[in-house]
Amino acid sequence: MNFDSLIYEKKKHVALIVLNRPDKLNALSLGLMEQLRQALKLVDEDDDIRAVVLTGAGERAFTSGFDLEDVVADSTVSWEKLIRQNYDTFMQIWRLNKPVIAAVNGYAVAAGVSLAMICDIVIAADNAVFAEPEIRHFSLSPLLILPWLGNNPKIINYHYFTGDPIPAALAKELGLVAKVVPSAALQEEAWKMAQRIAKVPPFPVQLTKQSLRRTYEIMGMVNALDSHRMIDTIALTTYGLKEKEELIGIMQTQGLKAFLQARDGKFKEN
């Protein structure tokens, strides 16, 4: 299968999926999300694959999140459809019966955090940064998953309330990242980890992932994420808020760079 925004390779029972839009910080366009769904389907259908590495092309970003210049939703119905489709893509990784390792290089922003954290294991470069700035433009995290994974809910709350980033070292302290390695060693370390998993007979690994998933599901994680998806839809389709309309106007008339400056500029002051 040919991909133009994604690289898919297979070697020694391990599949490699690379988000391949480095000039756009691997932003998740509609096309890239569709190709990711197709790649995950290939993994699911290939019994020879025992583990997966998911990463971003280049050194600057794992992914900067959804491509805001590519959003076409213009009504509550279309927003709900788009949000559900993106949510289902994240959950495709959750339901996959093979472990997925996120190798986070550089920035993982907004939906990029969601994509990394829905993976079974996260390994990060020492220059990796995790950020959820959506609240600054009247949106919410597409997948409010950090409370289920981290060991310090108060810091995680602060992260969500402010949009302030979490560097790799702190992410490891919070229990969100399994391992932090030098940037130059990231891909090799992720590959070694995947190959080590691939040495284990696949059936017990699949059963273990299933059991781990069920543990979180029994605790209510998936129901909570699904409920949050509806709340995110409300946030995105609430109009008439002055600051929100101003930011949308800047995006439409001046472009993404001006929008980001207007959104984040005041947070750089201290």
C-alpha atoms as a PDB file:
ATOM      1  CA  MET A   1       0.000   0.000   0.000  1.00  0.00           C
ATOM      2  CA  ASN A   2       1.325   3.448  -0.937  1.00  0.00           C
ATOM      3  CA  PHE A   3       1.396   6.225   1.666  1.00  0.00           C
ATOM      4  CA  ASP A   4       2.424   9.827   1.016  1.00  0.00           C
ATOM      5  CA  SER A   5       2.164  11.221   4.572  1.00  0.00           C
ATOM      6  CA  LEU A   6       3.284   8.127   6.428  1.00  0.00           C
ATOM      7  CA  ILE A   7       6.059   5.534   6.216  1.00  0.00           C
ATOM      8  CA  TYR A   8       5.196   1.911   6.916  1.00  0.00           C
ATOM      9  CA  GLU A   9       7.894  -0.747   7.198  1.00  0.00           C
ATOM     10  CA  LYS A  10       8.154  -4.233   8.619  1.00  0.00           C
ATOM     11  CA  LYS A  11      11.265  -6.009   9.827  1.00  0.00           C
ATOM     12  CA  LYS A  12      11.759  -9.062  12.027  1.00  0.00           C
ATOM     13  CA  HIS A  13       8.221  -9.202  13.451  1.00  0.00           C
ATOM     14  CA  VAL A  14       8.208  -5.437  14.150  1.00  0.00           C
ATOM     15  CA  ALA A  15       6.235  -2.816  12.239  1.00  0.00           C
ATOM     16  CA  LEU A  16       7.494   0.762  12.023  1.00  0.00           C
ATOM     17  CA  ILE A  17       4.983   3.580  11.463  1.00  0.00           C
ATOM     18  CA  VAL A  18       6.465   7.036  10.863  1.00  0.00           C
ATOM     19  CA  LEU A  19       4.324  10.172  10.694  1.00  0.00           C
ATOM     20  CA  ASN A  20       5.976  11.763   7.671  1.00  0.00           C
ATOM     21  CA  ARG A  21       5.198  15.477   7.394  1.00  0.00           C
ATOM     22  CA  PRO A  22       8.390  16.921   8.935  1.00  0.00           C
ATOM     23  CA  ASP A  23       7.948  20.275   7.173  1.00  0.00           C
ATOM     24  CA  LYS A  24       4.640  20.618   9.084  1.00  0.00           C
ATOM     25  CA  LEU A  25       6.007  19.169  12.342  1.00  0.00           C
ATOM     26  CA  ASN A  26       4.140  15.988  11.413  1.00  0.00           C
ATOM     27  CA  ALA A  27       0.794  17.709  11.941  1.00  0.00           C
ATOM     28  CA  LEU A  28      -2.119  15.298  11.769  1.00  0.00           C
ATOM     29  CA  SER A  29      -3.946  16.246   8.591  1.00  0.00           C
ATOM     30  CA  LEU A  30      -7.127  14.474   7.527  1.00  0.00           C
ATOM     31  CA  GLY A  31      -5.065  12.536   4.983  1.00  0.00           C
ATOM     32  CA  LEU A  32      -2.460  11.473   7.525  1.00  0.00           C
ATOM     33  CA  MET A  33      -5.123  10.304   9.970  1.00  0.00           C
ATOM     34  CA  GLU A  34      -6.718   8.189   7.235  1.00  0.00           C
ATOM     35  CA  GLN A  35      -3.350   6.668   6.366  1.00  0.00           C
ATOM     36  CA  LEU A  36      -2.681   5.947  10.040  1.00  0.00           C
ATOM     37  CA  ARG A  37      -5.965   4.056  10.223  1.00  0.00           C
ATOM     38  CA  GLN A  38      -4.939   2.043   7.153  1.00  0.00           C
ATOM     39  CA  ALA A  39      -1.482   1.277   8.590  1.00  0.00           C
ATOM     40  CA  LEU A  40      -2.964   0.095  11.884  1.00  0.00           C
ATOM     41  CA  LYS A  41      -5.348  -2.136   9.950  1.00  0.00           C
ATOM     42  CA  LEU A  42      -2.358  -3.671   8.147  1.00  0.00           C
ATOM     43  CA  VAL A  43      -0.723  -4.358  11.509  1.00  0.00           C
ATOM     44  CA  ASP A  44      -3.902  -5.882  12.897  1.00  0.00           C
ATOM     45  CA  GLU A  45      -4.275  -8.236   9.940  1.00  0.00           C
ATOM     46  CA  ASP A  46      -0.625  -9.379   9.831  1.00  0.00           C
ATOM     47  CA  ASP A  47      -0.097 -12.267  12.249  1.00  0.00           C
ATOM     48  CA  ASP A  48       3.649 -12.068  11.680  1.00  0.00           C
ATOM     49  CA  ILE A  49       3.844  -8.675  13.437  1.00  0.00           C
ATOM     50  CA  ARG A  50       4.381  -8.870  17.186  1.00  0.00           C
ATOM     51  CA  ALA A  51       5.147  -5.244  18.124  1.00  0.00           C
ATOM     52  CA  VAL A  52       4.910  -1.757  16.641  1.00  0.00           C
ATOM     53  CA  VAL A  53       7.039   1.392  16.860  1.00  0.00           C
ATOM     54  CA  LEU A  54       5.225   4.669  16.191  1.00  0.00           C
ATOM     55  CA  THR A  55       7.315   7.824  15.732  1.00  0.00           C
ATOM     56  CA  GLY A  56       7.597  11.093  13.800  1.00  0.00           C
ATOM     57  CA  ALA A  57       9.925  11.985  10.936  1.00  0.00           C
ATOM     58  CA  GLY A  58      12.775  14.373  11.693  1.00  0.00           C
ATOM     59  CA  GLU A  59      14.049  15.558  15.061  1.00  0.00           C
ATOM     60  CA  ARG A  60      11.737  18.504  15.770  1.00  0.00           C
ATOM     61  CA  ALA A  61       8.442  16.800  16.528  1.00  0.00           C
ATOM     62  CA  PHE A  62       6.657  13.538  17.123  1.00  0.00           C
ATOM     63  CA  THR A  63       3.576  15.437  15.992  1.00  0.00           C
ATOM     64  CA  SER A  64       2.299  18.956  16.629  1.00  0.00           C
ATOM     65  CA  GLY A  65      -1.268  17.661  16.820  1.00  0.00           C
ATOM     66  CA  PHE A  66      -4.171  18.142  14.468  1.00  0.00           C
ATOM     67  CA  ASP A  67      -3.450  20.320  11.449  1.00  0.00           C
ATOM     68  CA  LEU A  68      -5.572  23.381  12.287  1.00  0.00           C
ATOM     69  CA  GLU A  69      -5.342  24.582   8.691  1.00  0.00           C
ATOM     70  CA  ASP A  70      -6.943  21.346   7.530  1.00  0.00           C
ATOM     71  CA  VAL A  71     -10.099  21.428   9.680  1.00  0.00           C
ATOM     72  CA  VAL A  72     -13.244  21.560   7.550  1.00  0.00           C
ATOM     73  CA  ALA A  73     -15.984  21.149  10.184  1.00  0.00           C
ATOM     74  CA  ASP A  74     -18.496  24.009  10.135  1.00  0.00           C
ATOM     75  CA  SER A  75     -21.452  22.736  12.170  1.00  0.00           C
ATOM     76  CA  THR A  76     -22.140  20.802  15.349  1.00  0.00           C
ATOM     77  CA  VAL A  77     -22.923  17.703  13.294  1.00  0.00           C
ATOM     78  CA  SER A  78     -19.701  17.889  11.262  1.00  0.00           C
ATOM     79  CA  TRP A  79     -17.637  18.665  14.363  1.00  0.00           C
ATOM     80  CA  GLU A  80     -19.095  15.651  16.178  1.00  0.00           C
ATOM     81  CA  LYS A  81     -18.339  13.414  13.199  1.00  0.00           C
ATOM     82  CA  LEU A  82     -14.741  14.648  12.958  1.00  0.00           C
ATOM     83  CA  ILE A  83     -14.134  14.328  16.705  1.00  0.00           C
ATOM     84  CA  ARG A  84     -15.603  10.815  16.764  1.00  0.00           C
ATOM     85  CA  GLN A  85     -13.435   9.756  13.809  1.00  0.00           C
ATOM     86  CA  ASN A  86     -10.268  11.050  15.462  1.00  0.00           C
ATOM     87  CA  TYR A  87     -11.251   9.426  18.767  1.00  0.00           C
ATOM     88  CA  ASP A  88     -11.860   6.112  17.006  1.00  0.00           C
ATOM     89  CA  THR A  89      -8.384   6.330  15.440  1.00  0.00           C
ATOM     90  CA  PHE A  90      -6.768   6.704  18.878  1.00  0.00           C
ATOM     91  CA  MET A  91      -8.844   3.800  20.179  1.00  0.00           C
ATOM     92  CA  GLN A  92      -7.737   1.687  17.221  1.00  0.00           C
ATOM     93  CA  ILE A  93      -4.323   1.607  18.927  1.00  0.00           C
ATOM     94  CA  TRP A  94      -5.984   0.785  22.236  1.00  0.00           C
ATOM     95  CA  ARG A  95      -7.842  -2.175  20.694  1.00  0.00           C
ATOM     96  CA  LEU A  96      -4.869  -3.431  18.655  1.00  0.00           C
ATOM     97  CA  ASN A  97      -3.796  -6.832  19.983  1.00  0.00           C
ATOM     98  CA  LYS A  98      -0.090  -6.020  19.583  1.00  0.00           C
ATOM     99  CA  PRO A  99       1.934  -3.691  21.843  1.00  0.00           C
ATOM    100  CA  VAL A 100       2.653  -0.248  20.401  1.00  0.00           C
ATOM    101  CA  ILE A 101       5.704   1.757  21.465  1.00  0.00           C
ATOM    102  CA  ALA A 102       5.599   5.521  20.939  1.00  0.00           C
ATOM    103  CA  ALA A 103       9.097   6.907  20.285  1.00  0.00           C
ATOM    104  CA  VAL A 104       8.626  10.609  20.996  1.00  0.00           C
ATOM    105  CA  ASN A 105      11.138  12.846  19.286  1.00  0.00           C
ATOM    106  CA  GLY A 106      10.854  16.568  19.996  1.00  0.00           C
ATOM    107  CA  TYR A 107       7.409  18.058  20.488  1.00  0.00           C
ATOM    108  CA  ALA A 108       4.261  16.059  21.164  1.00  0.00           C
ATOM    109  CA  VAL A 109       1.554  18.708  21.191  1.00  0.00           C
ATOM    110  CA  ALA A 110      -2.204  18.522  21.759  1.00  0.00           C
ATOM    111  CA  ALA A 111      -3.449  15.463  19.849  1.00  0.00           C
ATOM    112  CA  GLY A 112       0.211  14.426  19.707  1.00  0.00           C
ATOM    113  CA  VAL A 113       0.101  13.801  23.461  1.00  0.00           C
ATOM    114  CA  SER A 114      -3.071  11.755  23.016  1.00  0.00           C
ATOM    115  CA  LEU A 115      -1.490   9.710  20.245  1.00  0.00           C
ATOM    116  CA  ALA A 116       1.626   8.989  22.309  1.00  0.00           C
ATOM    117  CA  MET A 117      -0.213   8.195  25.531  1.00  0.00           C
ATOM    118  CA  ILE A 118      -2.731   5.785  24.012  1.00  0.00           C
ATOM    119  CA  CYS A 119       0.269   3.625  23.055  1.00  0.00           C
ATOM    120  CA  ASP A 120       1.257   0.840  25.435  1.00  0.00           C
ATOM    121  CA  ILE A 121       4.768   2.166  26.113  1.00  0.00           C
ATOM    122  CA  VAL A 122       6.279   5.625  25.656  1.00  0.00           C
ATOM    123  CA  ILE A 123      10.004   6.174  25.234  1.00  0.00           C
ATOM    124  CA  ALA A 124      11.106   9.789  24.853  1.00  0.00           C
ATOM    125  CA  ALA A 125      14.152  11.649  23.630  1.00  0.00           C
ATOM    126  CA  ASP A 126      15.721  13.866  26.286  1.00  0.00           C
ATOM    127  CA  ASN A 127      14.592  16.927  24.303  1.00  0.00           C
ATOM    128  CA  ALA A 128      10.976  15.739  24.047  1.00  0.00           C
ATOM    129  CA  VAL A 129       8.231  18.050  25.284  1.00  0.00           C
ATOM    130  CA  PHE A 130       4.585  17.182  25.954  1.00  0.00           C
ATOM    131  CA  ALA A 131       2.068  20.024  25.740  1.00  0.00           C
ATOM    132  CA  GLU A 132      -1.724  20.348  25.784  1.00  0.00           C
ATOM    133  CA  PRO A 133      -2.344  24.028  24.871  1.00  0.00           C
ATOM    134  CA  GLU A 134      -5.861  23.499  23.498  1.00  0.00           C
ATOM    135  CA  ILE A 135      -7.479  25.183  26.505  1.00  0.00           C
ATOM    136  CA  ARG A 136      -5.899  28.464  25.365  1.00  0.00           C
ATOM    137  CA  HIS A 137      -8.045  28.487  22.219  1.00  0.00           C
ATOM    138  CA  PHE A 138     -11.280  27.296  23.828  1.00  0.00           C
ATOM    139  CA  SER A 139     -10.823  23.621  23.058  1.00  0.00           C
ATOM    140  CA  LEU A 140     -10.017  20.556  25.144  1.00  0.00           C
ATOM    141  CA  SER A 141      -7.633  17.639  24.922  1.00  0.00           C
ATOM    142  CA  PRO A 142      -9.089  15.172  22.404  1.00  0.00           C
ATOM    143  CA  LEU A 143      -8.279  12.325  24.789  1.00  0.00           C
ATOM    144  CA  LEU A 144      -8.193  13.185  28.494  1.00  0.00           C
ATOM    145  CA  ILE A 145      -5.998  10.213  29.326  1.00  0.00           C
ATOM    146  CA  LEU A 146      -3.198  11.561  31.541  1.00  0.00           C
ATOM    147  CA  PRO A 147      -5.183  11.186  34.810  1.00  0.00           C
ATOM    148  CA  TRP A 148      -5.319   7.438  34.139  1.00  0.00           C
ATOM    149  CA  LEU A 149      -1.580   7.123  33.588  1.00  0.00           C
ATOM    150  CA  GLY A 150       0.252   9.606  35.801  1.00  0.00           C
ATOM    151  CA  ASN A 151       1.183   9.368  39.484  1.00  0.00           C
ATOM    152  CA  ASN A 152       0.744  13.055  40.375  1.00  0.00           C
ATOM    153  CA  PRO A 153      -2.791  14.232  39.512  1.00  0.00           C
ATOM    154  CA  LYS A 154      -2.212  17.755  40.865  1.00  0.00           C
ATOM    155  CA  ILE A 155       0.613  18.452  38.405  1.00  0.00           C
ATOM    156  CA  ILE A 156      -1.438  16.893  35.628  1.00  0.00           C
ATOM    157  CA  ASN A 157      -4.379  19.144  36.529  1.00  0.00           C
ATOM    158  CA  TYR A 158      -2.089  22.175  36.353  1.00  0.00           C
ATOM    159  CA  HIS A 159      -0.846  21.002  32.956  1.00  0.00           C
ATOM    160  CA  TYR A 160      -4.399  20.780  31.600  1.00  0.00           C
ATOM    161  CA  PHE A 161      -5.555  24.067  33.167  1.00  0.00           C
ATOM    162  CA  THR A 162      -2.661  26.155  31.815  1.00  0.00           C
ATOM    163  CA  GLY A 163      -1.442  24.392  28.679  1.00  0.00           C
ATOM    164  CA  ASP A 164       2.098  24.655  30.034  1.00  0.00           C
ATOM    165  CA  PRO A 165       4.449  22.000  28.605  1.00  0.00           C
ATOM    166  CA  ILE A 166       5.974  19.038  30.418  1.00  0.00           C
ATOM    167  CA  PRO A 167       9.613  18.224  29.534  1.00  0.00           C
ATOM    168  CA  ALA A 168      10.656  14.612  29.105  1.00  0.00           C
ATOM    169  CA  ALA A 169      12.386  14.310  32.486  1.00  0.00           C
ATOM    170  CA  LEU A 170       9.278  15.494  34.354  1.00  0.00           C
ATOM    171  CA  ALA A 171       7.053  13.249  32.215  1.00  0.00           C
ATOM    172  CA  LYS A 172       9.124  10.293  33.383  1.00  0.00           C
ATOM    173  CA  GLU A 173       8.808  11.395  37.016  1.00  0.00           C
ATOM    174  CA  LEU A 174       5.041  11.600  36.545  1.00  0.00           C
ATOM    175  CA  GLY A 175       4.955   8.044  35.222  1.00  0.00           C
ATOM    176  CA  LEU A 176       3.903   9.059  31.711  1.00  0.00           C
ATOM    177  CA  VAL A 177       7.141   7.935  30.052  1.00  0.00           C
ATOM    178  CA  ALA A 178       8.880   4.601  30.571  1.00  0.00           C
ATOM    179  CA  LYS A 179      12.347   5.707  29.510  1.00  0.00           C
ATOM    180  CA  VAL A 180      14.206   8.877  28.490  1.00  0.00           C
ATOM    181  CA  VAL A 181      17.233   8.515  26.209  1.00  0.00           C
ATOM    182  CA  PRO A 182      19.518  10.846  24.236  1.00  0.00           C
ATOM    183  CA  SER A 183      17.833  12.082  21.068  1.00  0.00           C
ATOM    184  CA  ALA A 184      20.375  10.357  18.824  1.00  0.00           C
ATOM    185  CA  ALA A 185      19.646   7.002  20.470  1.00  0.00           C
ATOM    186  CA  LEU A 186      15.837   7.191  20.478  1.00  0.00           C
ATOM    187  CA  GLN A 187      15.005   5.141  17.397  1.00  0.00           C
ATOM    188  CA  GLU A 188      17.558   2.453  18.203  1.00  0.00           C
ATOM    189  CA  GLU A 189      16.297   2.125  21.784  1.00  0.00           C
ATOM    190  CA  ALA A 190      12.664   1.941  20.661  1.00  0.00           C
ATOM    191  CA  TRP A 191      13.570  -0.687  18.091  1.00  0.00           C
ATOM    192  CA  LYS A 192      15.465  -2.760  20.671  1.00  0.00           C
ATOM    193  CA  MET A 193      12.482  -2.596  23.015  1.00  0.00           C
ATOM    194  CA  ALA A 194      10.117  -3.734  20.256  1.00  0.00           C
ATOM    195  CA  GLN A 195      12.430  -6.580  19.237  1.00  0.00           C
ATOM    196  CA  ARG A 196      12.669  -7.741  22.838  1.00  0.00           C
ATOM    197  CA  ILE A 197       8.859  -7.899  23.051  1.00  0.00           C
ATOM    198  CA  ALA A 198       8.813  -9.722  19.703  1.00  0.00           C
ATOM    199  CA  LYS A 199      10.950 -12.525  21.189  1.00  0.00           C
ATOM    200  CA  VAL A 200       8.103 -13.454  23.507  1.00  0.00           C
ATOM    201  CA  PRO A 201       5.514 -15.877  22.063  1.00  0.00           C
ATOM    202  CA  PRO A 202       2.799 -13.639  20.585  1.00  0.00           C
ATOM    203  CA  PHE A 203      -0.289 -15.310  22.047  1.00  0.00           C
ATOM    204  CA  PRO A 204       0.508 -14.615  25.741  1.00  0.00           C
ATOM    205  CA  VAL A 205       1.548 -11.062  24.824  1.00  0.00           C
ATOM    206  CA  GLN A 206      -1.809 -10.531  23.118  1.00  0.00           C
ATOM    207  CA  LEU A 207      -3.659 -11.957  26.110  1.00  0.00           C
ATOM    208  CA  THR A 208      -1.649  -9.772  28.479  1.00  0.00           C
ATOM    209  CA  LYS A 209      -2.479  -6.619  26.502  1.00  0.00           C
ATOM    210  CA  GLN A 210      -6.126  -7.661  26.495  1.00  0.00           C
ATOM    211  CA  SER A 211      -6.074  -8.180  30.263  1.00  0.00           C
ATOM    212  CA  LEU A 212      -4.338  -4.857  30.865  1.00  0.00           C
ATOM    213  CA  ARG A 213      -6.919  -3.101  28.693  1.00  0.00           C
ATOM    214  CA  ARG A 214      -9.771  -4.746  30.560  1.00  0.00           C
ATOM    215  CA  THR A 215      -8.314  -3.593  33.884  1.00  0.00           C
ATOM    216  CA  TYR A 216      -8.506   0.053  32.802  1.00  0.00           C
ATOM    217  CA  GLU A 217     -11.911  -0.490  31.214  1.00  0.00           C
ATOM    218  CA  ILE A 218     -13.326  -2.022  34.403  1.00  0.00           C
ATOM    219  CA  MET A 219     -12.095   1.058  36.265  1.00  0.00           C
ATOM    220  CA  GLY A 220     -14.103   3.165  33.815  1.00  0.00           C
ATOM    221  CA  MET A 221     -11.399   4.670  31.629  1.00  0.00           C
ATOM    222  CA  VAL A 222     -13.040   4.137  28.255  1.00  0.00           C
ATOM    223  CA  ASN A 223     -16.421   5.393  29.477  1.00  0.00           C
ATOM    224  CA  ALA A 224     -14.700   8.487  30.861  1.00  0.00           C
ATOM    225  CA  LEU A 225     -12.854   9.106  27.582  1.00  0.00           C
ATOM    226  CA  ASP A 226     -16.061   8.683  25.601  1.00  0.00           C
ATOM    227  CA  SER A 227     -17.870  11.124  27.901  1.00  0.00           C
ATOM    228  CA  HIS A 228     -15.033  13.609  27.509  1.00  0.00           C
ATOM    229  CA  ARG A 229     -15.351  13.326  23.731  1.00  0.00           C
ATOM    230  CA  MET A 230     -18.873  14.715  23.996  1.00  0.00           C
ATOM    231  CA  ILE A 231     -17.690  17.534  26.279  1.00  0.00           C
ATOM    232  CA  ASP A 232     -14.971  18.376  23.743  1.00  0.00           C
ATOM    233  CA  THR A 233     -17.662  18.608  21.057  1.00  0.00           C
ATOM    234  CA  ILE A 234     -19.570  21.114  23.212  1.00  0.00           C
ATOM    235  CA  ALA A 235     -16.413  23.184  23.703  1.00  0.00           C
ATOM    236  CA  LEU A 236     -15.618  23.290  19.989  1.00  0.00           C
ATOM    237  CA  THR A 237     -19.180  24.190  18.968  1.00  0.00           C
ATOM    238  CA  THR A 238     -19.804  26.901  21.550  1.00  0.00           C
ATOM    239  CA  TYR A 239     -19.884  30.237  19.746  1.00  0.00           C
ATOM    240  CA  GLY A 240     -20.312  33.857  20.766  1.00  0.00           C
ATOM    241  CA  LEU A 241     -17.309  33.984  23.123  1.00  0.00           C
ATOM    242  CA  LYS A 242     -15.411  37.185  22.386  1.00  0.00           C
ATOM    243  CA  GLU A 243     -11.865  35.879  22.885  1.00  0.00           C
ATOM    244  CA  LYS A 244     -12.606  32.742  20.897  1.00  0.00           C
ATOM    245  CA  GLU A 245     -14.036  34.719  17.984  1.00  0.00           C
ATOM    246  CA  GLU A 246     -11.000  37.012  18.016  1.00  0.00           C
ATOM    247  CA  LEU A 247      -8.628  34.039  17.797  1.00  0.00           C
ATOM    248  CA  ILE A 248     -10.648  32.458  14.997  1.00  0.00           C
ATOM    249  CA  GLY A 249     -10.552  35.789  13.150  1.00  0.00           C
ATOM    250  CA  ILE A 250      -6.768  35.958  13.472  1.00  0.00           C
ATOM    251  CA  MET A 251      -6.450  32.419  12.139  1.00  0.00           C
ATOM    252  CA  GLN A 252      -8.673  33.188   9.156  1.00  0.00           C
ATOM    253  CA  THR A 253      -7.135  36.537   8.226  1.00  0.00           C
ATOM    254  CA  GLN A 254      -3.492  36.322   9.347  1.00  0.00           C
ATOM    255  CA  GLY A 255      -2.697  32.625   9.360  1.00  0.00           C
ATOM    256  CA  LEU A 256      -1.480  30.000  11.811  1.00  0.00           C
ATOM    257  CA  LYS A 257       1.700  31.766  12.947  1.00  0.00           C
ATOM    258  CA  ALA A 258      -0.205  34.889  14.012  1.00  0.00           C
ATOM    259  CA  PHE A 259      -2.835  32.716  15.685  1.00  0.00           C
ATOM    260  CA  LEU A 260      -0.215  30.896  17.761  1.00  0.00           C
ATOM    261  CA  GLN A 261       1.413  34.184  18.759  1.00  0.00           C
ATOM    262  CA  ALA A 262      -1.934  35.609  19.863  1.00  0.00           C
ATOM    263  CA  ARG A 263      -2.761  32.428  21.765  1.00  0.00           C
ATOM    264  CA  ASP A 264       0.569  31.767  23.453  1.00  0.00           C
ATOM    265  CA  GLY A 265       2.355  35.132  23.502  1.00  0.00           C
ATOM    266  CA  LYS A 266       1.241  36.195  26.980  1.00  0.00           C
ATOM    267  CA  PHE A 267       2.374  32.869  28.446  1.00  0.00           C
ATOM    268  CA  LYS A 268       5.966  33.607  27.457  1.00  0.00           C
ATOM    269  CA  GLU A 269       6.133  36.656  29.703  1.00  0.00           C
ATOM    270  CA  ASN A 270       7.058  34.771  32.892  1.00  0.00           C
END
